[in-house]
Amino acid sequence: MRQQLDNAGKEVLNAARNELYIEMRFMGSALNSLGYEMDLTTTSVGTDAVDIRFNPSYVLRLFMEEPGKLNRTYVHMLLHCIFMHMYTSARYKDERLFDVCADIVVESILDGMDYPSIYRVSSDYRDRWYSLLEKELKVLTVEKLYKYFSEDNKLDVFELEKLEREFKLDDHGFWTRLVDKPDDSKDNDDANEDKEKPPLDEDMDSPNVPGTEKKREKYINPRRLKKIQSRQKDWDKEAKRIQTEIETIGKNAGDRTGKLEWILKFQNTKKTDYREFLKRFMILREEGGIDLDSFDYGMYSFGLEHYGDMPLIEENEFREVKKIRELAIVIDTSASCKDELVQRFLDETASILLGKDSFFQKIKIHLIQCDDQVQRDDLIVSVDDMKRFSNGIHVEGGYGTDFRPAFKYIEELKEKGEFENLKGLIYFTDGYGTFPEKPTSYDTAFVFPEDEDYNDENVPDWALKLYI
């Protein structure tokens, strides 16, 4: 009977996968990435990024009564894998809150998709939460949601339970928060030996309602844990592949995927630390000051010991350091760039550049404002100037966006000798404008506001993209 239930459960999941594959061809590789394994430690279904672990009674009843919900649960688990929620969950202290955040993110993506096989009627309660969270956070990610609920918008236990009832579809108990098996236990096959097995006829009318499942301590043996960890790189590649696939299937077909492309793009974008990024604009020069690294205390002490008050070596009064000497910062002041975004960018830049290890004593930074033409150029030659602009700036412009005039203006400054050794240009913008085609002789970076609307698709290949 156990083998029959195992086979029946796998046939049901195969049928769901085939139906999904017909409608969602771009998910073909991901749909084939998970195996199936019967697991009686769960009353429903879940995944560990290697297999879908299912209770056969649950998936069989769901297939007979609500096949659309089974399809949706299948894709729900796939999205957990694609966004690698099971790999990041261990970083967060409140597991229950993290699980709710992960389910909200995944369900918001599914509700935006236009595929009959996974469709469900969205409740008013769900829609109200979507409207609130998208207004506050712009892009729904687990990290943003967790921070939102952990700081100024803490959920009481009743609201948390309502969110669980609304958004939960699968069992997260198989994620990498599992504990290893004790060393004195035998490491047999990866499966479910030694696990507590609930009876197959256990009442599962409400498998996803908190409190209806018995709390069981699940274990994972080291061999399977290693397999789960090795799959992380595969899912990272799969996320990038799906993003590329959606981008190439055309706008009409792409519209059916809703916000999946946007959130994948947000996840797959490589984030660069702004402080590390600014280091590429630093140059090596001598600066006054004692260089402790080159000071030889041995010879210094030898001279004092043998010749009285006459040390053999004096302190080195100059040292070689890497700091910023010249830099150009251009601010997009077109109508699409909000004043508060500009000020946030300046605050972030100033907080980094005002560090004592960032600037030489003599600096030259051109702070240029430009929309479709250069509106203003403020020269910063001291730390006090930088502090003044970080405290508030008067933005001039507000028309269309054209990035080319700023680049032309900087070339004119170079010809006039305003820059001796310009290392880089930082251009803060939302990306809606005309980019230059000719590469620059210095490093150029277009900086985008991470939490706001921006368009980085047309940035030329020779320029860098940064998100803050």
Protein backbone atom coordinates (compact mmCIF):
# COMPACT_ATOMS: atom_id res chain seq x y z
CA MET A 1 0.00 0.00 0.00
CA ARG A 2 2.86 2.38 0.78
CA GLN A 3 4.33 1.84 -2.68
CA GLN A 4 0.94 2.40 -4.31
CA LEU A 5 0.47 5.69 -2.46
CA ASP A 6 3.98 6.76 -3.43
CA ASN A 7 3.31 6.02 -7.11
CA ALA A 8 -0.11 7.73 -7.05
CA GLY A 9 1.32 10.88 -5.45
CA LYS A 10 4.09 11.09 -8.03
CA GLU A 11 1.62 10.61 -10.90
CA VAL A 12 -0.52 13.46 -9.56
CA LEU A 13 2.48 15.79 -9.29
CA ASN A 14 3.60 14.79 -12.78
CA ALA A 15 0.14 15.66 -14.14
CA ALA A 16 0.33 19.09 -12.49
CA ARG A 17 3.81 19.65 -13.89
CA ASN A 18 2.69 18.74 -17.42
CA GLU A 19 -0.24 21.14 -17.27
CA LEU A 20 2.02 23.93 -16.06
CA TYR A 21 4.60 23.21 -18.73
CA ILE A 22 2.02 23.65 -21.49
CA GLU A 23 1.08 27.13 -20.26
CA MET A 24 4.41 28.31 -18.86
CA ARG A 25 7.09 27.16 -21.29
CA PHE A 26 9.63 29.63 -19.91
CA MET A 27 9.52 27.68 -16.63
CA GLY A 28 10.32 24.37 -18.36
CA SER A 29 13.80 23.93 -16.93
CA ALA A 30 12.68 24.88 -13.41
CA LEU A 31 9.71 22.50 -13.59
CA ASN A 32 12.12 19.66 -14.33
CA SER A 33 14.53 20.61 -11.54
CA LEU A 34 12.66 19.04 -8.63
CA GLY A 35 12.22 15.35 -7.98
CA TYR A 36 9.42 13.80 -5.92
CA GLU A 37 9.68 12.02 -2.60
CA MET A 38 6.91 10.79 -0.32
CA ASP A 39 7.43 12.14 3.18
CA LEU A 40 5.06 11.35 6.03
CA THR A 41 6.56 13.92 8.39
CA THR A 42 4.41 16.55 6.67
CA THR A 43 0.65 16.72 6.42
CA SER A 44 0.84 18.70 3.18
CA VAL A 45 3.67 19.34 0.73
CA GLY A 46 6.95 21.26 0.71
CA THR A 47 10.37 21.39 -0.92
CA ASP A 48 13.99 21.45 0.18
CA ALA A 49 15.22 22.73 -3.23
CA VAL A 50 16.10 19.18 -4.29
CA ASP A 51 12.76 17.31 -4.12
CA ILE A 52 9.10 18.03 -3.57
CA ARG A 53 8.34 16.23 -0.30
CA PHE A 54 4.67 15.26 -0.24
CA ASN A 55 2.09 13.51 1.87
CA PRO A 56 0.19 11.38 -0.68
CA SER A 57 -3.19 11.76 1.05
CA TYR A 58 -2.95 15.53 0.76
CA VAL A 59 -1.86 15.79 -2.89
CA LEU A 60 -4.36 13.13 -4.00
CA ARG A 61 -7.29 14.86 -2.31
CA LEU A 62 -6.15 18.26 -3.62
CA PHE A 63 -5.88 16.86 -7.16
CA MET A 64 -9.45 15.55 -6.98
CA GLU A 65 -11.05 18.57 -5.28
CA GLU A 66 -8.93 21.62 -6.24
CA PRO A 67 -6.51 20.84 -9.11
CA GLY A 68 -5.91 24.57 -9.66
CA LYS A 69 -4.70 24.93 -6.09
CA LEU A 70 -2.30 22.02 -6.57
CA ASN A 71 -0.88 23.70 -9.69
CA ARG A 72 -0.53 26.96 -7.82
CA THR A 73 1.18 25.24 -4.89
CA TYR A 74 3.63 23.66 -7.34
CA VAL A 75 4.63 27.04 -8.80
CA HIS A 76 4.59 28.58 -5.32
CA MET A 77 7.30 26.10 -4.25
CA LEU A 78 9.28 26.69 -7.44
CA LEU A 79 9.36 30.43 -6.78
CA HIS A 80 10.66 29.78 -3.27
CA CYS A 81 13.53 27.89 -4.93
CA ILE A 82 14.13 30.51 -7.62
CA PHE A 83 14.34 33.26 -5.01
CA MET A 84 16.32 30.89 -2.75
CA HIS A 85 14.20 31.57 0.34
CA MET A 86 15.23 28.26 1.90
CA TYR A 87 18.88 29.32 1.74
CA THR A 88 18.42 32.76 3.27
CA SER A 89 15.89 31.84 5.97
CA ALA A 90 18.54 30.84 8.52
CA ARG A 91 19.86 34.44 8.60
CA TYR A 92 16.68 35.72 10.20
CA LYS A 93 15.86 35.39 13.86
CA ASP A 94 12.07 35.28 13.60
CA GLU A 95 11.40 32.19 11.45
CA ARG A 96 7.64 32.59 11.53
CA LEU A 97 7.78 36.19 10.29
CA PHE A 98 10.27 35.25 7.59
CA ASP A 99 7.97 32.46 6.37
CA VAL A 100 5.04 34.86 6.11
CA CYS A 101 7.14 37.40 4.21
CA ALA A 102 8.35 34.73 1.78
CA ASP A 103 4.77 33.56 1.13
CA ILE A 104 3.51 37.12 0.59
CA VAL A 105 6.24 37.80 -1.98
CA VAL A 106 5.57 34.57 -3.88
CA GLU A 107 1.80 34.94 -3.82
CA SER A 108 2.01 38.56 -5.01
CA ILE A 109 3.90 37.31 -8.07
CA LEU A 110 1.38 34.53 -8.71
CA ASP A 111 -1.56 36.92 -8.38
CA GLY A 112 0.01 39.10 -11.06
CA MET A 113 0.34 36.24 -13.53
CA ASP A 114 -2.28 35.64 -16.20
CA TYR A 115 -2.42 31.83 -16.42
CA PRO A 116 -5.74 29.93 -15.94
CA SER A 117 -4.02 26.88 -14.44
CA ILE A 118 -2.92 28.80 -11.33
CA TYR A 119 -5.69 31.39 -11.11
CA ARG A 120 -7.47 32.10 -7.86
CA VAL A 121 -9.87 34.86 -6.86
CA SER A 122 -8.01 37.44 -4.80
CA SER A 123 -9.69 38.41 -1.53
CA ASP A 124 -10.25 41.99 -0.40
CA TYR A 125 -7.96 41.34 2.57
CA ARG A 126 -5.16 40.26 0.27
CA ASP A 127 -5.66 43.21 -2.09
CA ARG A 128 -5.55 45.70 0.79
CA TRP A 129 -2.20 44.32 1.94
CA TYR A 130 -0.79 44.43 -1.60
CA SER A 131 -1.86 48.04 -2.01
CA LEU A 132 -0.31 49.07 1.31
CA LEU A 133 2.98 47.19 0.88
CA GLU A 134 3.58 48.22 -2.73
CA LYS A 135 2.97 51.84 -1.78
CA GLU A 136 5.45 51.63 1.10
CA LEU A 137 8.12 49.37 -0.40
CA LYS A 138 7.81 49.75 -4.20
CA VAL A 139 9.44 46.34 -4.78
CA LEU A 140 8.28 43.40 -2.64
CA THR A 141 11.21 41.30 -1.48
CA VAL A 142 11.55 39.18 1.64
CA GLU A 143 14.34 41.38 2.98
CA LYS A 144 12.28 44.56 2.62
CA LEU A 145 9.13 42.98 4.07
CA TYR A 146 10.96 41.50 7.04
CA LYS A 147 12.55 44.85 7.84
CA TYR A 148 9.19 46.61 7.38
CA PHE A 149 7.40 44.30 9.83
CA SER A 150 10.32 44.13 12.28
CA GLU A 151 10.79 47.86 12.84
CA ASP A 152 7.90 50.32 12.84
CA ASN A 153 5.07 48.04 11.68
CA LYS A 154 5.17 45.05 14.00
CA LEU A 155 2.37 42.53 13.61
CA ASP A 156 0.38 41.29 16.58
CA VAL A 157 -0.10 37.54 16.86
CA PHE A 158 -3.67 37.68 15.51
CA GLU A 159 -2.73 39.61 12.36
CA LEU A 160 0.25 37.33 11.80
CA GLU A 161 -2.03 34.30 11.98
CA LYS A 162 -4.47 35.88 9.51
CA LEU A 163 -1.61 36.48 7.07
CA GLU A 164 -0.50 32.86 7.45
CA ARG A 165 -4.00 31.61 6.71
CA GLU A 166 -4.22 33.86 3.66
CA PHE A 167 -0.83 33.28 2.01
CA LYS A 168 0.56 29.93 3.16
CA LEU A 169 0.39 27.03 0.69
CA ASP A 170 3.35 24.78 1.50
CA ASP A 171 5.35 23.39 4.40
CA HIS A 172 8.60 25.32 5.02
CA GLY A 173 9.85 22.72 7.46
CA PHE A 174 12.23 21.25 4.88
CA TRP A 175 14.29 24.40 4.49
CA THR A 176 17.92 24.48 5.59
CA ARG A 177 16.95 25.38 9.15
CA LEU A 178 16.76 21.61 9.66
CA VAL A 179 19.18 20.02 12.10
CA ASP A 180 21.69 17.34 11.21
CA LYS A 181 21.11 13.79 12.33
CA PRO A 182 22.98 12.74 15.46
CA ASP A 183 26.40 11.28 14.70
CA ASP A 184 25.51 7.96 16.33
CA SER A 185 22.64 7.33 13.92
CA LYS A 186 23.17 5.28 10.80
CA ASP A 187 23.41 7.25 7.59
CA ASN A 188 21.27 5.19 5.25
CA ASP A 189 19.54 6.50 2.12
CA ASP A 190 18.58 10.17 2.05
CA ALA A 191 15.00 9.41 2.79
CA ASN A 192 12.80 9.24 5.83
CA GLU A 193 14.17 6.45 7.97
CA ASP A 194 13.90 7.19 11.70
CA LYS A 195 11.45 10.05 11.03
CA GLU A 196 8.15 10.16 12.85
CA LYS A 197 5.43 8.97 10.49
CA PRO A 198 1.86 10.21 11.04
CA PRO A 199 -0.95 7.87 9.99
CA LEU A 200 -2.03 8.19 6.38
CA ASP A 201 -5.65 8.75 7.33
CA GLU A 202 -4.83 11.72 9.58
CA ASP A 203 -7.39 14.51 9.31
CA MET A 204 -5.96 17.08 6.92
CA ASP A 205 -8.95 19.25 6.07
CA SER A 206 -6.94 22.32 7.06
CA PRO A 207 -3.29 21.36 6.50
CA ASN A 208 -2.10 24.94 6.16
CA VAL A 209 -3.81 26.51 9.14
CA PRO A 210 -1.34 27.27 11.94
CA GLY A 211 -1.93 25.04 14.94
CA THR A 212 -3.54 22.15 13.04
CA GLU A 213 -0.20 20.45 12.31
CA LYS A 214 1.54 18.53 15.02
CA LYS A 215 4.92 19.97 15.85
CA ARG A 216 7.52 17.41 14.83
CA GLU A 217 11.24 17.79 14.87
CA LYS A 218 12.49 17.05 11.38
CA TYR A 219 16.02 15.90 10.75
CA ILE A 220 18.26 15.89 7.71
CA ASN A 221 21.26 13.66 7.24
CA PRO A 222 24.62 15.17 6.22
CA ARG A 223 24.57 13.62 2.75
CA ARG A 224 21.26 15.22 1.86
CA LEU A 225 22.29 18.53 3.42
CA LYS A 226 25.33 18.59 1.14
CA LYS A 227 23.09 17.91 -1.86
CA ILE A 228 20.77 20.77 -0.87
CA GLN A 229 23.67 23.18 -0.48
CA SER A 230 25.13 22.19 -3.85
CA ARG A 231 21.85 23.08 -5.57
CA GLN A 232 22.03 26.75 -4.55
CA LYS A 233 24.24 27.70 -7.51
CA ASP A 234 21.88 25.83 -9.86
CA TRP A 235 18.89 27.85 -8.66
CA ASP A 236 20.86 31.08 -9.00
CA LYS A 237 21.56 30.19 -12.64
CA GLU A 238 17.91 29.22 -13.11
CA ALA A 239 16.74 32.63 -11.87
CA LYS A 240 18.97 34.37 -14.43
CA ARG A 241 17.84 31.99 -17.18
CA ILE A 242 14.15 32.66 -16.49
CA GLN A 243 14.73 36.42 -16.52
CA THR A 244 16.44 36.15 -19.91
CA GLU A 245 13.68 33.87 -21.20
CA ILE A 246 10.95 36.32 -20.19
CA GLU A 247 12.82 39.22 -21.79
CA THR A 248 13.00 37.36 -25.11
CA ILE A 249 9.44 35.97 -25.37
CA GLY A 250 7.99 39.32 -26.38
CA LYS A 251 5.96 41.99 -24.65
CA ASN A 252 2.52 40.37 -25.02
CA ALA A 253 3.69 37.05 -23.63
CA GLY A 254 5.83 38.83 -21.05
CA ASP A 255 2.80 40.71 -19.73
CA ARG A 256 1.31 37.38 -18.61
CA THR A 257 4.18 36.88 -16.17
CA GLY A 258 3.26 40.04 -14.27
CA LYS A 259 5.90 41.34 -11.87
CA LEU A 260 8.06 38.19 -12.01
CA GLU A 261 10.51 39.75 -14.49
CA TRP A 262 10.84 42.92 -12.43
CA ILE A 263 11.50 41.13 -9.14
CA LEU A 264 13.91 38.70 -10.81
CA LYS A 265 15.74 41.64 -12.30
CA PHE A 266 15.93 43.23 -8.87
CA GLN A 267 17.26 40.00 -7.32
CA ASN A 268 19.74 39.20 -10.10
CA THR A 269 21.23 42.69 -10.21
CA LYS A 270 24.66 42.57 -8.67
CA LYS A 271 24.78 45.02 -5.79
CA THR A 272 28.06 46.90 -5.32
CA ASP A 273 29.09 48.49 -2.07
CA TYR A 274 29.23 52.22 -2.71
CA ARG A 275 32.29 52.72 -0.52
CA GLU A 276 34.20 50.00 -2.37
CA PHE A 277 33.06 51.46 -5.67
CA LEU A 278 34.51 54.90 -4.88
CA LYS A 279 37.93 53.34 -4.30
CA ARG A 280 38.38 52.95 -8.05
CA PHE A 281 38.54 56.76 -8.26
CA MET A 282 41.43 57.03 -5.83
CA ILE A 283 45.01 57.79 -6.89
CA LEU A 284 48.35 57.06 -5.19
CA ARG A 285 50.22 60.12 -3.97
CA GLU A 286 52.51 61.24 -1.15
CA GLU A 287 50.96 63.03 1.78
CA GLY A 288 52.45 64.61 4.87
CA GLY A 289 52.32 62.53 8.03
CA ILE A 290 54.25 59.85 9.85
CA ASP A 291 54.29 56.54 8.01
CA LEU A 292 54.25 53.98 10.81
CA ASP A 293 54.45 51.07 8.38
CA SER A 294 57.93 52.09 7.18
CA PHE A 295 59.28 53.07 10.60
CA ASP A 296 62.04 50.74 11.86
CA TYR A 297 61.84 50.65 15.67
CA GLY A 298 64.81 48.28 15.88
CA MET A 299 67.32 50.69 14.35
CA TYR A 300 65.73 53.59 16.23
CA SER A 301 66.27 51.82 19.59
CA PHE A 302 69.79 50.73 18.57
CA GLY A 303 70.83 54.35 18.02
CA LEU A 304 69.39 55.48 21.35
CA GLU A 305 71.13 52.64 23.18
CA HIS A 306 74.63 53.09 21.67
CA TYR A 307 74.76 56.81 20.89
CA GLY A 308 72.71 58.34 23.65
CA ASP A 309 70.01 60.70 22.43
CA MET A 310 70.88 60.28 18.75
CA PRO A 311 68.54 57.83 16.97
CA LEU A 312 69.83 56.43 13.69
CA ILE A 313 66.53 56.85 11.85
CA GLU A 314 64.06 59.70 12.02
CA GLU A 315 60.36 59.33 11.33
CA ASN A 316 59.33 59.31 7.69
CA GLU A 317 57.37 62.54 7.36
CA PHE A 318 55.72 61.53 4.10
CA ARG A 319 53.65 58.50 3.23
CA GLU A 320 52.06 57.09 0.11
CA VAL A 321 48.27 56.91 0.31
CA LYS A 322 45.37 56.34 -2.07
CA LYS A 323 42.69 59.00 -1.86
CA ILE A 324 40.35 60.94 -4.10
CA ARG A 325 41.77 64.07 -5.70
CA GLU A 326 39.43 64.86 -8.59
CA LEU A 327 35.88 63.70 -9.26
CA ALA A 328 32.85 64.76 -11.27
CA ILE A 329 29.35 64.24 -9.86
CA VAL A 330 26.41 64.90 -12.17
CA ILE A 331 22.84 65.07 -10.87
CA ASP A 332 19.87 64.48 -13.13
CA THR A 333 17.51 67.39 -12.36
CA SER A 334 14.86 66.49 -14.94
CA ALA A 335 11.19 66.36 -14.00
CA SER A 336 11.28 62.59 -13.50
CA CYS A 337 13.93 62.83 -10.75
CA LYS A 338 12.44 63.87 -7.42
CA ASP A 339 14.18 66.41 -5.19
CA GLU A 340 14.14 64.06 -2.21
CA LEU A 341 15.95 61.37 -4.25
CA VAL A 342 18.64 63.87 -5.22
CA GLN A 343 19.12 64.88 -1.59
CA ARG A 344 19.28 61.22 -0.46
CA PHE A 345 21.99 60.58 -3.04
CA LEU A 346 24.00 63.59 -1.90
CA ASP A 347 23.62 62.58 1.75
CA GLU A 348 24.85 59.06 0.98
CA THR A 349 27.78 60.34 -1.09
CA ALA A 350 28.77 62.98 1.44
CA SER A 351 28.69 60.54 4.37
CA ILE A 352 31.27 58.41 2.56
CA LEU A 353 33.45 61.12 1.10
CA LEU A 354 33.64 63.11 4.32
CA GLY A 355 35.60 60.31 5.96
CA LYS A 356 39.15 61.30 6.87
CA ASP A 357 40.58 58.59 4.62
CA SER A 358 38.74 59.67 1.46
CA PHE A 359 40.20 63.04 0.41
CA PHE A 360 43.59 64.65 0.02
CA GLN A 361 44.01 68.05 1.64
CA LYS A 362 43.44 69.65 -1.77
CA ILE A 363 40.45 68.34 -3.69
CA LYS A 364 38.50 69.32 -6.76
CA ILE A 365 34.97 67.99 -7.24
CA HIS A 366 32.61 69.44 -9.81
CA LEU A 367 28.98 69.04 -8.72
CA ILE A 368 27.04 69.48 -11.97
CA GLN A 369 23.28 69.74 -12.37
CA CYS A 370 21.88 68.78 -15.77
CA ASP A 371 18.51 67.96 -17.34
CA ASP A 372 18.62 68.41 -21.11
CA GLN A 373 21.41 70.95 -20.65
CA VAL A 374 23.93 71.87 -17.98
CA GLN A 375 22.13 74.09 -15.49
CA ARG A 376 24.77 74.62 -12.82
CA ASP A 377 28.33 73.68 -11.82
CA ASP A 378 29.44 74.03 -8.20
CA LEU A 379 33.12 73.52 -7.41
CA ILE A 380 33.94 71.73 -4.17
CA VAL A 381 37.50 72.33 -2.96
CA SER A 382 37.19 71.59 0.74
CA VAL A 383 35.44 69.37 3.23
CA ASP A 384 33.35 72.36 4.37
CA ASP A 385 31.99 72.75 0.84
CA MET A 386 30.95 69.09 0.83
CA LYS A 387 29.20 69.49 4.18
CA ARG A 388 27.34 72.51 2.87
CA PHE A 389 25.92 70.65 -0.11
CA SER A 390 25.01 67.61 1.98
CA ASN A 391 22.89 69.83 4.24
CA GLY A 392 20.72 70.95 1.35
CA ILE A 393 20.92 71.73 -2.34
CA HIS A 394 18.85 73.96 -4.60
CA VAL A 395 17.98 71.88 -7.67
CA GLU A 396 17.75 73.76 -10.94
CA GLY A 397 16.12 72.42 -14.09
CA GLY A 398 13.11 70.13 -14.32
CA TYR A 399 12.76 69.61 -18.05
CA GLY A 400 13.60 66.61 -20.27
CA THR A 401 16.61 64.34 -19.81
CA ASP A 402 19.67 64.19 -22.03
CA PHE A 403 22.91 62.86 -20.56
CA ARG A 404 25.13 63.96 -23.45
CA PRO A 405 25.45 67.69 -22.55
CA ALA A 406 27.06 66.81 -19.20
CA PHE A 407 29.68 64.63 -20.87
CA LYS A 408 30.40 67.33 -23.44
CA TYR A 409 30.76 69.91 -20.66
CA ILE A 410 33.26 67.72 -18.76
CA GLU A 411 35.36 67.31 -21.92
CA GLU A 412 35.44 71.10 -22.25
CA LEU A 413 36.62 71.37 -18.63
CA LYS A 414 39.41 68.89 -19.34
CA GLU A 415 40.53 70.89 -22.39
CA LYS A 416 40.65 74.04 -20.26
CA GLY A 417 42.87 72.29 -17.72
CA GLU A 418 40.26 72.20 -14.97
CA PHE A 419 41.03 68.50 -14.43
CA GLU A 420 44.60 67.23 -14.21
CA ASN A 421 43.83 63.54 -13.67
CA LEU A 422 40.09 62.92 -13.68
CA LYS A 423 39.50 59.35 -12.57
CA GLY A 424 35.76 59.11 -12.69
CA LEU A 425 32.26 60.46 -13.19
CA ILE A 426 29.25 59.53 -11.05
CA TYR A 427 25.92 60.30 -12.72
CA PHE A 428 22.86 60.03 -10.47
CA THR A 429 19.68 59.48 -12.50
CA ASP A 430 16.55 57.40 -12.93
CA GLY A 431 17.78 56.37 -16.38
CA TYR A 432 15.01 57.91 -18.47
CA GLY A 433 16.98 59.87 -21.07
CA THR A 434 19.39 59.77 -23.98
CA PHE A 435 22.76 58.16 -23.26
CA PRO A 436 26.05 59.03 -25.00
CA GLU A 437 27.49 56.52 -27.44
CA LYS A 438 31.21 57.35 -27.27
CA PRO A 439 33.16 55.77 -24.36
CA THR A 440 34.94 58.06 -21.91
CA SER A 441 38.62 58.01 -21.00
CA TYR A 442 37.66 57.88 -17.32
CA ASP A 443 35.41 55.49 -15.40
CA THR A 444 31.74 56.40 -15.69
CA ALA A 445 29.04 55.09 -13.40
CA PHE A 446 25.30 55.66 -13.63
CA VAL A 447 23.81 55.46 -10.15
CA PHE A 448 20.15 54.47 -9.73
CA PRO A 449 17.86 54.71 -6.68
CA GLU A 450 17.35 51.08 -5.70
CA ASP A 451 13.88 51.43 -4.18
CA GLU A 452 12.40 53.71 -6.84
CA ASP A 453 11.33 53.49 -10.45
CA TYR A 454 14.33 53.48 -12.81
CA ASN A 455 15.29 52.31 -16.30
CA ASP A 456 18.80 50.88 -16.69
CA GLU A 457 18.27 48.94 -19.90
CA ASN A 458 19.87 51.51 -22.22
CA VAL A 459 23.04 52.14 -20.22
CA PRO A 460 25.96 51.67 -22.68
CA ASP A 461 28.22 48.65 -22.21
CA TRP A 462 31.27 50.77 -21.40
CA ALA A 463 29.59 52.40 -18.39
CA LEU A 464 29.05 50.94 -14.95
CA LYS A 465 25.69 50.55 -13.22
CA LEU A 466 25.34 51.08 -9.48
CA TYR A 467 22.30 50.87 -7.22
CA ILE A 468 22.06 52.62 -3.86
